[in-house]
Amino acid sequence: FASASIGVALGFPGYARAEDVLRDADAAMYRAKDLGRARHAVFHPSMHTEAREQLQLESDLRRAIDRGELRLTYQPIVSLESGQITGCEALVVWDHPTRGLIPPGDFIPTAEETGLVVPLGRWALLEACKSCVVWNETLRGQVPISVSVNLSAIQIGTPQVLEDVRAALLLSGLPAWLLKLEVTESVVLQAGHGALLLNQLKALGVHLLLDDFGTGYSSLSYLHNFRFDTLKIDRSFVSQMEQGGRHVELVKTIVSLARALSLDVVAEGIENPAQLQLLQQLSVEAAQGYWFSRPLPAPAFRELLLSRKPFVLPLGLARTRA
């Protein structure tokens, strides 16, 4: 079925040309599409300001990739049995020359809309793999450190991502099992050929991690169709655990489901000891969040690894998983 997105511009004496009315109606139409399509939107002058800002952001982002303004930061993933760092999640930040550090949530949507997320993701994969090799060479003989890299729907929608992952592993020399690729439920469902591509990635020897589990469509059949290794409990569940009752039971159910499918569990968004203690009681293997550390630049993360000082856990050593 065909649907329509309609932009409305109200005529007033300030308009000098018919083209100006059409321009504003066109801007309103795109706002209607952004709001979910199959609806209408009435033009407001602020739409011009937002359009200019968006265009400037896109232009700056194209230059940022060429100028090396993008940086990777790494948030530690900590074992809830030992308190030691076992891995990290790589997150892209933009060191803008005039606006300073821009977090990924403020520019990744633009990168996805413009397709810039493909070269950006290729760069992030290689950088993360190179850094991981350096860390493990420094910590030779100790517990190996893995790195998790997020894949967007646009990347999963292009077969090129398979070659990007293969090239990153080859050029960096990182063992495939130390690379974890994170995808969300919505990404899996949006990608038409996602099943084949994820299975091909899995054949390379990398680990697949299902991010934001329970916040998307939550079709359990996808846990069978896609060969995931780990489920990540979303921060929205973790933040409500202290309220007790059904919030804890929901997380407990996710953990039980992972156990039944022989999947590991990682929780994100840990902000206080109470949340951490509840996760320990549920025998969750690992967690990340501001309570442990904010995302760090590569040199600072390396120094944290070299200290080898375990994080203090509320329950000491976590209970052994049943």
Protein backbone atom coordinates (compact mmCIF):
# COMPACT_ATOMS: atom_id res chain seq x y z
CA PHE A 1 0.00 0.00 0.00
CA ALA A 2 1.23 3.46 -0.88
CA SER A 3 1.15 6.22 1.72
CA ALA A 4 1.86 9.95 1.56
CA SER A 5 3.92 12.35 3.62
CA ILE A 6 2.58 15.89 3.24
CA GLY A 7 4.34 19.19 3.88
CA VAL A 8 2.16 22.28 4.38
CA ALA A 9 3.30 25.88 3.94
CA LEU A 10 0.78 28.60 4.82
CA GLY A 11 0.78 31.55 2.46
CA PHE A 12 1.52 35.01 3.90
CA PRO A 13 2.56 38.40 2.46
CA GLY A 14 6.23 37.79 3.21
CA TYR A 15 6.50 35.34 0.34
CA ALA A 16 7.86 37.05 -2.81
CA ARG A 17 7.95 34.02 -5.12
CA ALA A 18 6.01 30.82 -5.57
CA GLU A 19 9.30 28.93 -5.38
CA ASP A 20 9.71 30.07 -1.76
CA VAL A 21 6.38 28.57 -0.80
CA LEU A 22 7.29 25.29 -2.49
CA ARG A 23 10.71 25.29 -0.75
CA ASP A 24 9.11 25.60 2.67
CA ALA A 25 6.44 23.01 1.90
CA ASP A 26 9.24 20.68 0.82
CA ALA A 27 11.07 21.25 4.12
CA ALA A 28 7.86 20.46 6.01
CA MET A 29 7.39 17.30 3.94
CA TYR A 30 10.80 16.00 4.99
CA ARG A 31 9.93 16.76 8.61
CA ALA A 32 6.79 14.62 8.16
CA LYS A 33 8.98 11.80 6.86
CA ASP A 34 11.35 12.16 9.81
CA LEU A 35 8.38 11.87 12.17
CA GLY A 36 7.48 8.44 10.80
CA ARG A 37 5.92 9.01 7.37
CA ALA A 38 2.26 8.74 6.36
CA ARG A 39 1.48 12.04 8.10
CA HIS A 40 1.61 15.80 7.56
CA ALA A 41 3.71 18.61 9.02
CA VAL A 42 3.22 22.38 8.88
CA PHE A 43 6.25 24.51 8.06
CA HIS A 44 7.90 26.54 10.82
CA PRO A 45 10.91 28.89 10.30
CA SER A 46 12.94 26.80 12.77
CA MET A 47 12.97 24.05 10.14
CA HIS A 48 15.34 26.17 8.04
CA THR A 49 17.71 26.57 10.97
CA GLU A 50 17.67 22.85 11.70
CA ALA A 51 18.22 22.02 8.01
CA ARG A 52 21.24 24.33 7.83
CA GLU A 53 22.69 22.85 11.03
CA GLN A 54 22.17 19.33 9.70
CA LEU A 55 23.81 20.22 6.39
CA GLN A 56 26.76 21.78 8.23
CA LEU A 57 27.10 18.71 10.45
CA GLU A 58 27.14 16.43 7.41
CA SER A 59 29.74 18.60 5.66
CA ASP A 60 31.94 18.72 8.79
CA LEU A 61 31.63 14.95 9.25
CA ARG A 62 32.84 14.27 5.71
CA ARG A 63 35.90 16.37 6.42
CA ALA A 64 36.37 14.83 9.87
CA ILE A 65 37.05 11.38 8.41
CA ASP A 66 39.71 12.79 6.06
CA ARG A 67 41.26 15.08 8.68
CA GLY A 68 41.57 12.45 11.39
CA GLU A 69 39.25 14.22 13.82
CA LEU A 70 37.57 10.96 14.90
CA ARG A 71 38.83 9.16 17.98
CA LEU A 72 38.12 5.80 19.56
CA THR A 73 37.52 5.53 23.29
CA TYR A 74 37.30 2.26 25.19
CA GLN A 75 34.97 1.41 28.08
CA PRO A 76 36.22 -1.49 30.24
CA ILE A 77 34.19 -4.69 30.53
CA VAL A 78 34.83 -6.23 33.95
CA SER A 79 34.50 -9.81 35.16
CA LEU A 80 32.05 -10.02 38.07
CA GLU A 81 33.94 -13.05 39.37
CA SER A 82 37.44 -11.58 39.58
CA GLY A 83 37.00 -7.82 39.21
CA GLN A 84 39.58 -7.85 36.41
CA ILE A 85 39.12 -6.22 33.02
CA THR A 86 38.47 -8.87 30.37
CA GLY A 87 37.60 -6.64 27.43
CA CYS A 88 36.26 -3.29 26.33
CA GLU A 89 33.75 -1.68 24.00
CA ALA A 90 35.11 0.69 21.36
CA LEU A 91 33.13 3.92 21.02
CA VAL A 92 33.72 6.65 18.43
CA VAL A 93 33.91 10.30 19.49
CA TRP A 94 34.41 13.30 17.27
CA ASP A 95 37.03 15.85 18.28
CA HIS A 96 35.46 18.78 16.43
CA PRO A 97 37.81 21.75 15.92
CA THR A 98 35.26 24.32 17.20
CA ARG A 99 32.60 22.31 19.09
CA GLY A 100 34.98 20.09 21.04
CA LEU A 101 34.22 16.44 21.75
CA ILE A 102 30.94 15.30 20.20
CA PRO A 103 29.51 12.01 21.55
CA PRO A 104 28.48 9.28 19.08
CA GLY A 105 24.75 9.78 19.70
CA ASP A 106 25.00 13.27 18.20
CA PHE A 107 26.58 12.32 14.87
CA ILE A 108 26.18 8.58 14.23
CA PRO A 109 22.53 9.03 13.04
CA THR A 110 23.80 11.53 10.45
CA ALA A 111 26.56 9.12 9.45
CA GLU A 112 23.94 6.40 8.92
CA GLU A 113 21.61 8.64 6.90
CA THR A 114 24.43 9.74 4.58
CA GLY A 115 26.18 6.38 4.29
CA LEU A 116 29.31 7.80 5.93
CA VAL A 117 28.96 5.13 8.61
CA VAL A 118 30.49 2.62 6.17
CA PRO A 119 33.96 4.26 5.86
CA LEU A 120 33.71 5.36 9.50
CA GLY A 121 32.96 1.79 10.59
CA ARG A 122 35.81 0.43 8.45
CA TRP A 123 38.22 2.83 10.15
CA ALA A 124 36.89 2.01 13.64
CA LEU A 125 37.24 -1.73 13.07
CA LEU A 126 40.88 -1.48 12.05
CA GLU A 127 41.79 0.97 14.82
CA ALA A 128 40.13 -1.13 17.50
CA CYS A 129 41.86 -4.30 16.28
CA LYS A 130 45.27 -2.58 16.18
CA SER A 131 44.85 -1.27 19.73
CA CYS A 132 43.75 -4.68 20.99
CA VAL A 133 46.90 -6.27 19.55
CA VAL A 134 49.09 -3.71 21.37
CA TRP A 135 47.33 -4.36 24.70
CA ASN A 136 47.67 -8.11 24.46
CA GLU A 137 51.33 -7.90 23.48
CA THR A 138 51.91 -5.69 26.53
CA LEU A 139 50.04 -8.14 28.79
CA ARG A 140 51.58 -11.25 27.25
CA GLY A 141 51.02 -14.30 29.43
CA GLN A 142 48.04 -12.77 31.26
CA VAL A 143 44.30 -12.96 30.65
CA PRO A 144 43.72 -11.83 27.03
CA ILE A 145 41.71 -8.68 26.39
CA SER A 146 38.94 -8.64 23.77
CA VAL A 147 37.44 -5.64 22.00
CA SER A 148 33.79 -5.11 21.03
CA VAL A 149 32.87 -3.04 17.96
CA ASN A 150 29.33 -1.98 17.03
CA LEU A 151 27.92 -2.68 13.57
CA SER A 152 25.07 -0.49 12.30
CA ALA A 153 22.14 -1.49 10.13
CA ILE A 154 23.79 0.23 7.14
CA GLN A 155 26.96 -1.84 7.58
CA ILE A 156 25.04 -5.10 7.96
CA GLY A 157 23.10 -4.13 4.84
CA THR A 158 26.28 -4.10 2.74
CA PRO A 159 28.27 -7.27 1.92
CA GLN A 160 31.41 -5.10 2.09
CA VAL A 161 31.38 -5.39 5.88
CA LEU A 162 32.55 -8.99 5.59
CA GLU A 163 35.67 -7.86 3.73
CA ASP A 164 36.14 -4.97 6.18
CA VAL A 165 36.22 -7.38 9.13
CA ARG A 166 38.49 -9.81 7.32
CA ALA A 167 40.87 -6.99 6.34
CA ALA A 168 40.94 -5.55 9.88
CA LEU A 169 41.91 -8.94 11.32
CA LEU A 170 44.53 -9.53 8.62
CA LEU A 171 46.15 -6.08 8.75
CA SER A 172 46.20 -5.91 12.56
CA GLY A 173 47.12 -9.53 13.27
CA LEU A 174 44.40 -9.80 15.92
CA PRO A 175 43.13 -13.36 16.56
CA ALA A 176 39.51 -13.46 15.42
CA TRP A 177 38.22 -14.78 18.74
CA LEU A 178 39.31 -11.56 20.46
CA LEU A 179 37.01 -9.45 18.24
CA LYS A 180 33.36 -9.16 19.30
CA LEU A 181 30.88 -7.61 16.90
CA GLU A 182 27.82 -6.02 18.50
CA VAL A 183 24.49 -5.79 16.66
CA THR A 184 21.05 -4.84 17.94
CA GLU A 185 17.80 -6.72 17.47
CA SER A 186 16.44 -3.97 15.20
CA VAL A 187 19.57 -4.20 13.01
CA VAL A 188 19.12 -7.95 12.63
CA LEU A 189 15.49 -7.53 11.58
CA GLN A 190 16.12 -4.63 9.19
CA ALA A 191 18.88 -6.36 7.26
CA GLY A 192 17.29 -8.56 4.62
CA HIS A 193 20.32 -10.79 4.15
CA GLY A 194 21.40 -10.46 7.78
CA ALA A 195 21.25 -14.17 8.57
CA LEU A 196 23.67 -15.12 5.80
CA LEU A 197 26.05 -12.24 6.53
CA LEU A 198 26.17 -12.85 10.28
CA ASN A 199 26.82 -16.53 9.69
CA GLN A 200 29.66 -15.61 7.31
CA LEU A 201 31.10 -13.30 9.97
CA LYS A 202 30.78 -16.08 12.49
CA ALA A 203 32.71 -18.37 10.15
CA LEU A 204 35.67 -15.97 10.42
CA GLY A 205 35.92 -16.94 14.08
CA VAL A 206 34.70 -13.65 15.60
CA HIS A 207 32.20 -13.52 18.46
CA LEU A 208 28.72 -12.12 17.86
CA LEU A 209 27.03 -10.12 20.59
CA LEU A 210 23.31 -9.23 20.63
CA ASP A 211 23.12 -5.71 22.04
CA ASP A 212 20.13 -4.03 23.74
CA PHE A 213 18.41 -7.41 24.15
CA GLY A 214 14.74 -7.06 25.09
CA THR A 215 14.32 -3.48 23.88
CA GLY A 216 13.53 -4.33 20.24
CA TYR A 217 11.23 -6.88 18.67
CA SER A 218 12.45 -9.65 20.98
CA SER A 219 11.61 -12.48 18.63
CA LEU A 220 13.16 -15.49 20.33
CA SER A 221 13.43 -17.28 16.99
CA TYR A 222 16.32 -14.97 16.12
CA LEU A 223 18.37 -16.45 18.93
CA HIS A 224 18.18 -19.76 17.06
CA ASN A 225 18.58 -18.40 13.53
CA PHE A 226 21.64 -16.30 14.37
CA ARG A 227 24.66 -17.83 16.08
CA PHE A 228 25.20 -15.32 18.86
CA ASP A 229 27.72 -15.90 21.63
CA THR A 230 26.65 -13.23 24.11
CA LEU A 231 23.55 -11.29 25.18
CA LYS A 232 23.97 -7.76 26.48
CA ILE A 233 21.40 -6.60 29.03
CA ASP A 234 20.34 -3.06 28.18
CA ARG A 235 20.95 -0.23 30.63
CA SER A 236 17.20 0.47 30.80
CA PHE A 237 16.72 -2.86 32.59
CA VAL A 238 19.75 -2.42 34.83
CA SER A 239 18.67 1.06 35.96
CA GLN A 240 15.33 -0.28 37.25
CA MET A 241 16.66 -3.32 39.11
CA GLU A 242 16.89 -1.44 42.43
CA GLN A 243 13.11 -1.07 42.39
CA GLY A 244 12.93 -4.83 42.90
CA GLY A 245 9.92 -6.97 42.00
CA ARG A 246 9.26 -7.56 38.32
CA HIS A 247 12.29 -5.49 37.25
CA VAL A 248 14.68 -7.95 38.87
CA GLU A 249 12.61 -10.90 37.65
CA LEU A 250 12.84 -9.59 34.08
CA VAL A 251 16.64 -9.50 34.21
CA LYS A 252 16.63 -12.90 35.91
CA THR A 253 14.54 -14.27 33.03
CA ILE A 254 16.98 -12.86 30.44
CA VAL A 255 19.89 -14.48 32.29
CA SER A 256 18.04 -17.82 32.50
CA LEU A 257 17.27 -17.68 28.78
CA ALA A 258 20.94 -17.04 28.00
CA ARG A 259 21.96 -19.98 30.19
CA ALA A 260 19.52 -22.29 28.40
CA LEU A 261 21.05 -21.28 25.05
CA SER A 262 24.66 -21.48 26.33
CA LEU A 263 25.17 -17.75 25.85
CA ASP A 264 27.31 -15.46 28.00
CA VAL A 265 25.75 -12.36 29.56
CA VAL A 266 27.10 -8.82 29.82
CA ALA A 267 25.22 -6.01 31.56
CA GLU A 268 25.72 -2.36 30.60
CA GLY A 269 25.02 0.93 32.30
CA ILE A 270 26.23 0.03 35.84
CA GLU A 271 26.18 3.22 37.89
CA ASN A 272 26.22 2.12 41.56
CA PRO A 273 27.19 -0.82 43.83
CA ALA A 274 23.56 -1.83 44.41
CA GLN A 275 23.03 -2.61 40.73
CA LEU A 276 26.32 -4.48 40.63
CA GLN A 277 25.45 -6.57 43.68
CA LEU A 278 22.11 -7.62 42.17
CA LEU A 279 23.87 -8.68 38.97
CA GLN A 280 26.41 -10.67 40.98
CA GLN A 281 23.59 -12.45 42.78
CA LEU A 282 22.17 -13.40 39.37
CA SER A 283 25.63 -14.74 38.36
CA VAL A 284 26.01 -12.36 35.42
CA GLU A 285 29.55 -12.88 34.08
CA ALA A 286 30.57 -9.33 33.18
CA ALA A 287 29.46 -5.71 33.22
CA GLN A 288 30.39 -2.23 32.08
CA GLY A 289 29.33 1.24 33.12
CA TYR A 290 30.37 4.52 34.72
CA TRP A 291 30.70 2.85 38.14
CA PHE A 292 33.79 1.11 36.77
CA SER A 293 34.98 3.71 34.28
CA ARG A 294 33.88 6.11 31.60
CA PRO A 295 35.16 5.40 28.08
CA LEU A 296 38.89 6.15 27.96
CA PRO A 297 41.33 7.11 25.18
CA ALA A 298 43.58 4.24 24.12
CA PRO A 299 46.65 5.39 26.16
CA ALA A 300 44.59 5.79 29.35
CA PHE A 301 42.94 2.41 28.86
CA ARG A 302 46.37 0.84 28.38
CA GLU A 303 47.57 2.36 31.67
CA LEU A 304 44.49 0.97 33.41
CA LEU A 305 45.29 -2.49 32.04
CA LEU A 306 48.93 -2.27 33.10
CA SER A 307 47.92 -1.52 36.69
CA ARG A 308 46.19 -4.94 36.79
CA LYS A 309 44.42 -3.73 39.90
CA PRO A 310 41.05 -5.48 40.15
CA PHE A 311 37.90 -3.48 40.78
CA VAL A 312 36.42 -4.01 44.24
CA LEU A 313 33.16 -5.92 43.95
CA PRO A 314 30.29 -5.57 46.47
CA LEU A 315 30.18 -9.33 47.12
CA GLY A 316 33.89 -9.94 46.73
CA LEU A 317 34.27 -12.87 44.38
CA ALA A 318 30.97 -13.54 42.68
CA ARG A 319 29.20 -16.81 43.21
CA THR A 320 30.20 -19.59 40.87
CA ARG A 321 27.65 -20.03 38.12
CA ALA A 322 25.36 -23.01 38.73
